[in-house]
Amino acid sequence: MLPIEEPFDKKLQQAERAVQKFIKKANLWIANKKEILNQCIQWQQVYHTGILLQSNLFRIEKGMSQIVIADWEQGEKEVVIPLDPYMDIKDQLKQIFKKSKKLQSGIPHAERELKRAEKELSIRTEQLSILQKVSSPEELNSFCLTYHLNLNEPSTTPKRSPAKKEEAAKPYRVYKTIAGLEIWVGKSAKDNDKLSFHHANGLDWWLHAHNYPGSHVVIRGTRGEEPDLDSLYDAAELALRFSKNTDTRGGEVSLTQVKAIKSVKNTPGKVMLSKYRMLKIKLDNNRWNRLRGSPTIKPLA
């Protein structure tokens, strides 16, 4: 007698694992979209922060890293607002109001994406419910055909897709900000040169951990305009994370445009800056997780 039951049971388990994997991905997708939507919903808080700073301009001096302001919306409770000591307060206000506007306009898209993710979870959950009622090889084959599930064993040396080959060939990693800007991060010293001098545009913004070896970081898509503050902090976070800076609290990052950097002969990755300014930031694990695509459920502060 041929062993019919064992192969069927094995394939059924494979199918269940495959659907469970889809469910896990859908849950991660939902968590990610919820976090993005939560950030967008905070546009009013960002706007209010700008109004608080605007009403206290006379108290803000150059080089201040924070200011304590009585918030009239919280019964005059004192709040601490961080400042960029290297940026003019008027430029900071411009960035804050710009960020608030972008977050507000991003709400409809974030809501649509969350609904897509929730629909995906609903579909996959229903598939699992149907699969759990399958009781024969014929029903399993029908299920796999209906839901395009391939239970063939993967080869020991799977072929890399053209898209993955292209991604691997690039001299940089790609990250995305909430504002939709791309951040490119060099993979090595030689790749840093390729990124900065062959792939980046002269008007792109360029960052690097100050006084530490590390990746060149480029913010794309700004057309020469300074990026929003949140995107700047995303890029600065990546510049520190991909450097030999050992301070787990944060550090300083050099900021300029690509047109202001010049390569140093016979020293891959090393550059000279004709002009730049400094950003001093604290490392943020929530920001880092979002950039890596590993969403956290922890609510934003």
Protein backbone atom coordinates (compact mmCIF):
# COMPACT_ATOMS: atom_id res chain seq x y z
CA MET A 1 0.00 0.00 0.00
CA LEU A 2 1.33 3.44 -0.95
CA PRO A 3 1.84 5.92 1.94
CA ILE A 4 -0.83 8.45 0.96
CA GLU A 5 -1.60 10.10 4.31
CA GLU A 6 1.93 11.17 5.22
CA PRO A 7 2.58 13.33 2.09
CA PHE A 8 -0.87 14.90 2.46
CA ASP A 9 -0.26 15.76 6.12
CA LYS A 10 3.12 17.22 5.23
CA LYS A 11 1.68 19.37 2.44
CA LEU A 12 -1.15 20.50 4.69
CA GLN A 13 1.38 21.64 7.29
CA GLN A 14 3.36 23.45 4.60
CA ALA A 15 0.22 25.25 3.48
CA GLU A 16 -0.65 26.27 7.05
CA ARG A 17 2.88 27.59 7.62
CA ALA A 18 2.69 29.59 4.40
CA VAL A 19 -0.64 31.19 5.32
CA GLN A 20 0.54 31.86 8.89
CA LYS A 21 3.57 33.63 7.40
CA PHE A 22 1.25 35.85 5.35
CA ILE A 23 -0.75 36.61 8.51
CA LYS A 24 2.41 37.57 10.39
CA LYS A 25 3.46 39.91 7.57
CA ALA A 26 0.00 41.46 7.51
CA ASN A 27 0.15 42.14 11.25
CA LEU A 28 3.56 43.79 10.88
CA TRP A 29 2.19 45.81 7.97
CA ILE A 30 -0.76 46.97 10.10
CA ALA A 31 1.55 47.95 12.99
CA ASN A 32 3.73 49.94 10.60
CA LYS A 33 0.78 51.76 9.02
CA LYS A 34 -0.75 52.51 12.43
CA GLU A 35 2.51 54.09 13.55
CA ILE A 36 2.68 56.25 10.42
CA LEU A 37 -0.97 57.28 10.86
CA ASN A 38 -0.34 58.12 14.53
CA GLN A 39 2.54 60.35 13.48
CA CYS A 40 0.36 62.08 10.89
CA ILE A 41 -2.44 62.63 13.41
CA GLN A 42 0.02 64.54 15.57
CA TRP A 43 0.17 67.37 13.04
CA GLN A 44 -1.78 69.63 15.41
CA GLN A 45 0.75 69.05 18.19
CA VAL A 46 3.59 69.91 15.81
CA TYR A 47 1.74 73.04 14.70
CA HIS A 48 1.06 74.02 18.32
CA THR A 49 4.76 73.61 19.13
CA GLY A 50 5.52 76.06 16.33
CA ILE A 51 2.99 78.55 17.72
CA LEU A 52 4.51 78.24 21.20
CA LEU A 53 7.99 78.94 19.85
CA GLN A 54 6.70 81.79 17.67
CA SER A 55 5.13 83.48 20.68
CA ASN A 56 8.40 83.20 22.61
CA LEU A 57 10.83 84.30 19.91
CA PHE A 58 12.08 87.14 22.10
CA ARG A 59 13.35 84.57 24.65
CA ILE A 60 15.25 82.35 22.20
CA GLU A 61 18.95 83.03 21.85
CA LYS A 62 21.41 81.61 19.34
CA GLY A 63 22.93 78.29 20.45
CA MET A 64 20.07 77.24 22.75
CA SER A 65 19.38 73.49 22.69
CA GLN A 66 15.99 73.74 24.42
CA ILE A 67 13.50 76.17 25.93
CA VAL A 68 10.91 75.86 28.70
CA ILE A 69 7.55 77.42 27.82
CA ALA A 70 4.24 77.66 29.71
CA ASP A 71 1.68 75.90 27.50
CA TRP A 72 -1.70 77.68 27.65
CA GLU A 73 -3.43 74.58 26.24
CA GLN A 74 -2.31 72.61 29.31
CA GLY A 75 -3.26 75.14 31.97
CA GLU A 76 0.11 76.94 31.82
CA LYS A 77 1.99 73.69 32.46
CA GLU A 78 5.67 74.08 31.60
CA VAL A 79 6.87 72.06 28.59
CA VAL A 80 10.42 71.56 27.33
CA ILE A 81 10.85 72.10 23.59
CA PRO A 82 14.15 70.92 22.02
CA LEU A 83 15.93 73.32 19.67
CA ASP A 84 18.67 72.92 17.09
CA PRO A 85 21.56 75.02 18.44
CA TYR A 86 23.12 75.23 14.98
CA MET A 87 20.03 76.42 13.08
CA ASP A 88 18.44 79.86 13.04
CA ILE A 89 15.15 79.82 14.95
CA LYS A 90 13.26 81.24 11.95
CA ASP A 91 14.47 78.33 9.83
CA GLN A 92 13.42 75.92 12.59
CA LEU A 93 9.95 77.44 12.66
CA LYS A 94 9.71 77.12 8.90
CA GLN A 95 10.61 73.42 9.16
CA ILE A 96 8.10 72.82 11.98
CA PHE A 97 5.18 74.39 10.12
CA LYS A 98 6.19 72.60 6.92
CA LYS A 99 6.27 69.28 8.78
CA SER A 100 2.85 69.98 10.31
CA LYS A 101 1.37 70.64 6.88
CA LYS A 102 2.89 67.47 5.40
CA LEU A 103 1.67 65.34 8.28
CA GLN A 104 -1.85 66.70 7.91
CA SER A 105 -1.91 66.11 4.16
CA GLY A 106 -0.56 62.58 4.71
CA ILE A 107 -3.52 61.44 6.82
CA PRO A 108 -5.79 60.28 3.93
CA HIS A 109 -2.98 58.22 2.35
CA ALA A 110 -2.04 56.71 5.73
CA GLU A 111 -5.68 55.76 6.37
CA ARG A 112 -5.96 54.11 2.93
CA GLU A 113 -2.75 52.14 3.52
CA LEU A 114 -3.98 50.97 6.93
CA LYS A 115 -7.27 49.78 5.39
CA ARG A 116 -5.31 47.87 2.73
CA ALA A 117 -3.24 46.19 5.43
CA GLU A 118 -6.34 45.32 7.48
CA LYS A 119 -8.05 43.90 4.39
CA GLU A 120 -4.97 41.76 3.71
CA LEU A 121 -5.11 40.39 7.26
CA SER A 122 -8.83 39.66 6.91
CA ILE A 123 -8.25 37.77 3.64
CA ARG A 124 -5.37 35.72 5.05
CA THR A 125 -7.30 34.91 8.24
CA GLU A 126 -10.23 33.68 6.15
CA GLN A 127 -7.84 31.55 4.08
CA LEU A 128 -6.50 29.91 7.22
CA SER A 129 -10.06 29.18 8.38
CA ILE A 130 -10.84 27.50 5.04
CA LEU A 131 -7.56 25.58 5.08
CA GLN A 132 -8.28 24.15 8.52
CA LYS A 133 -11.38 22.43 7.06
CA VAL A 134 -9.43 20.76 4.22
CA SER A 135 -9.51 16.98 4.65
CA SER A 136 -8.25 15.47 1.39
CA PRO A 137 -5.42 15.89 -1.16
CA GLU A 138 -7.98 16.98 -3.77
CA GLU A 139 -9.32 19.76 -1.51
CA LEU A 140 -5.76 20.86 -0.71
CA ASN A 141 -4.83 21.03 -4.41
CA SER A 142 -7.98 23.05 -5.09
CA PHE A 143 -7.13 25.41 -2.22
CA CYS A 144 -3.58 25.93 -3.50
CA LEU A 145 -4.79 26.64 -7.03
CA THR A 146 -7.48 29.06 -5.83
CA TYR A 147 -5.10 31.06 -3.63
CA HIS A 148 -1.97 30.66 -5.79
CA LEU A 149 -0.09 28.83 -3.06
CA ASN A 150 3.05 27.00 -4.24
CA LEU A 151 4.04 24.16 -1.91
CA ASN A 152 7.01 22.99 -3.95
CA GLU A 153 10.17 22.67 -1.86
CA PRO A 154 12.50 25.64 -2.44
CA SER A 155 15.78 24.81 -4.16
CA THR A 156 18.94 24.85 -2.07
CA THR A 157 20.31 27.73 -4.15
CA PRO A 158 17.35 29.95 -4.97
CA LYS A 159 17.85 32.30 -7.88
CA ARG A 160 17.96 35.95 -6.94
CA SER A 161 15.32 38.06 -8.65
CA PRO A 162 16.45 40.81 -11.07
CA ALA A 163 15.16 43.44 -8.63
CA LYS A 164 17.24 41.99 -5.79
CA LYS A 165 20.30 41.76 -8.04
CA GLU A 166 19.88 45.40 -8.98
CA GLU A 167 19.47 46.37 -5.30
CA ALA A 168 22.58 44.39 -4.33
CA ALA A 169 24.58 46.09 -7.10
CA LYS A 170 23.81 49.58 -5.81
CA PRO A 171 26.56 51.18 -3.69
CA TYR A 172 23.99 52.35 -1.15
CA ARG A 173 21.09 51.23 1.04
CA VAL A 174 17.75 53.00 0.60
CA TYR A 175 15.54 54.28 3.42
CA LYS A 176 12.36 56.34 3.25
CA THR A 177 11.13 59.21 5.43
CA ILE A 178 7.53 59.91 6.42
CA ALA A 179 7.65 62.92 4.08
CA GLY A 180 8.40 60.53 1.21
CA LEU A 181 12.05 61.48 0.68
CA GLU A 182 14.64 58.79 -0.03
CA ILE A 183 17.80 58.55 2.06
CA TRP A 184 20.78 56.77 0.51
CA VAL A 185 23.47 55.32 2.81
CA GLY A 186 26.85 54.20 1.43
CA LYS A 187 27.79 50.56 2.02
CA SER A 188 31.61 50.93 2.16
CA ALA A 189 34.40 53.49 1.68
CA LYS A 190 34.55 52.87 -2.09
CA ASP A 191 30.76 52.83 -2.27
CA ASN A 192 30.71 56.17 -0.43
CA ASP A 193 32.66 57.70 -3.32
CA LYS A 194 30.33 56.14 -5.89
CA LEU A 195 27.29 57.39 -3.99
CA SER A 196 28.49 60.96 -3.47
CA PHE A 197 30.25 61.57 -6.78
CA HIS A 198 28.38 59.39 -9.30
CA HIS A 199 24.84 58.80 -8.03
CA ALA A 200 23.96 61.88 -5.97
CA ASN A 201 22.97 65.26 -7.38
CA GLY A 202 24.90 68.44 -6.47
CA LEU A 203 21.78 69.89 -4.80
CA ASP A 204 21.15 66.80 -2.67
CA TRP A 205 21.82 67.13 1.06
CA TRP A 206 24.80 65.24 2.43
CA LEU A 207 25.46 64.08 6.01
CA HIS A 208 28.28 62.32 7.83
CA ALA A 209 29.09 61.52 11.46
CA HIS A 210 31.41 64.32 12.62
CA ASN A 211 34.99 63.19 13.34
CA TYR A 212 34.16 59.49 12.93
CA PRO A 213 34.60 57.11 9.97
CA GLY A 214 31.27 56.09 8.54
CA SER A 215 28.83 56.01 5.65
CA HIS A 216 28.05 58.96 3.44
CA VAL A 217 24.34 59.74 3.75
CA VAL A 218 22.40 61.56 1.03
CA ILE A 219 18.85 62.93 1.16
CA ARG A 220 17.26 62.77 -2.28
CA GLY A 221 14.37 64.62 -3.91
CA THR A 222 14.65 68.03 -2.25
CA ARG A 223 15.57 69.96 -5.42
CA GLY A 224 17.95 72.06 -3.37
CA GLU A 225 15.43 73.05 -0.70
CA GLU A 226 16.32 72.10 2.85
CA PRO A 227 14.47 68.93 3.92
CA ASP A 228 11.85 68.96 6.67
CA LEU A 229 13.25 68.62 10.18
CA ASP A 230 12.00 65.05 10.65
CA SER A 231 13.74 63.90 7.45
CA LEU A 232 16.92 65.64 8.58
CA TYR A 233 16.80 63.78 11.89
CA ASP A 234 16.15 60.51 10.02
CA ALA A 235 19.29 61.06 7.92
CA ALA A 236 21.33 62.15 10.95
CA GLU A 237 20.19 59.02 12.81
CA LEU A 238 21.41 56.86 9.93
CA ALA A 239 24.71 58.77 9.70
CA LEU A 240 25.43 57.97 13.36
CA ARG A 241 24.15 54.39 13.21
CA PHE A 242 26.37 53.65 10.19
CA SER A 243 29.52 55.13 11.73
CA LYS A 244 32.14 54.21 14.32
CA ASN A 245 30.66 56.64 16.81
CA THR A 246 30.59 54.69 20.10
CA ASP A 247 28.34 57.05 22.05
CA THR A 248 24.99 55.27 22.35
CA ARG A 249 23.28 58.52 23.39
CA GLY A 250 23.92 60.43 20.16
CA GLY A 251 26.48 62.71 18.57
CA GLU A 252 27.23 65.39 16.00
CA VAL A 253 26.61 65.13 12.28
CA SER A 254 28.00 67.35 9.52
CA LEU A 255 25.37 68.68 7.09
CA THR A 256 25.98 70.27 3.70
CA GLN A 257 25.06 69.81 0.03
CA VAL A 258 26.83 67.41 -2.29
CA LYS A 259 28.20 70.31 -4.35
CA ALA A 260 30.19 71.45 -1.27
CA ILE A 261 32.20 68.22 -0.90
CA LYS A 262 35.42 67.25 -2.65
CA SER A 263 37.13 63.86 -2.73
CA VAL A 264 40.60 63.32 -1.27
CA LYS A 265 42.98 61.66 -3.73
CA ASN A 266 43.99 58.05 -2.97
CA THR A 267 41.76 57.96 0.14
CA PRO A 268 38.43 56.20 -0.64
CA GLY A 269 35.47 57.66 1.22
CA LYS A 270 37.36 60.67 2.59
CA VAL A 271 36.14 64.13 1.57
CA MET A 272 36.78 67.81 2.24
CA LEU A 273 33.88 70.18 2.93
CA SER A 274 33.97 73.77 1.69
CA LYS A 275 31.10 74.70 4.00
CA TYR A 276 28.83 72.88 6.41
CA ARG A 277 26.90 73.16 9.64
CA MET A 278 26.53 70.80 12.55
CA LEU A 279 23.50 68.87 13.79
CA LYS A 280 23.60 67.56 17.35
CA ILE A 281 21.12 64.73 17.86
CA LYS A 282 20.09 62.06 20.35
CA LEU A 283 19.72 58.55 19.00
CA ASP A 284 16.08 57.45 18.85
CA ASN A 285 15.27 53.72 18.83
CA ASN A 286 11.70 54.33 17.58
CA ARG A 287 13.03 56.32 14.64
CA TRP A 288 15.65 53.65 13.94
CA ASN A 289 13.06 50.84 14.00
CA ARG A 290 10.77 52.75 11.64
CA LEU A 291 13.59 53.38 9.18
CA ARG A 292 14.59 49.72 9.24
CA GLY A 293 11.00 48.70 8.59
CA SER A 294 10.65 47.00 11.99
CA PRO A 295 7.67 48.83 13.46
CA THR A 296 7.24 49.14 17.19
CA ILE A 297 3.85 49.17 18.91
CA LYS A 298 5.13 51.54 21.58
CA PRO A 299 3.07 54.78 21.47
CA LEU A 300 4.86 57.96 20.48
CA ALA A 301 5.79 60.36 23.26
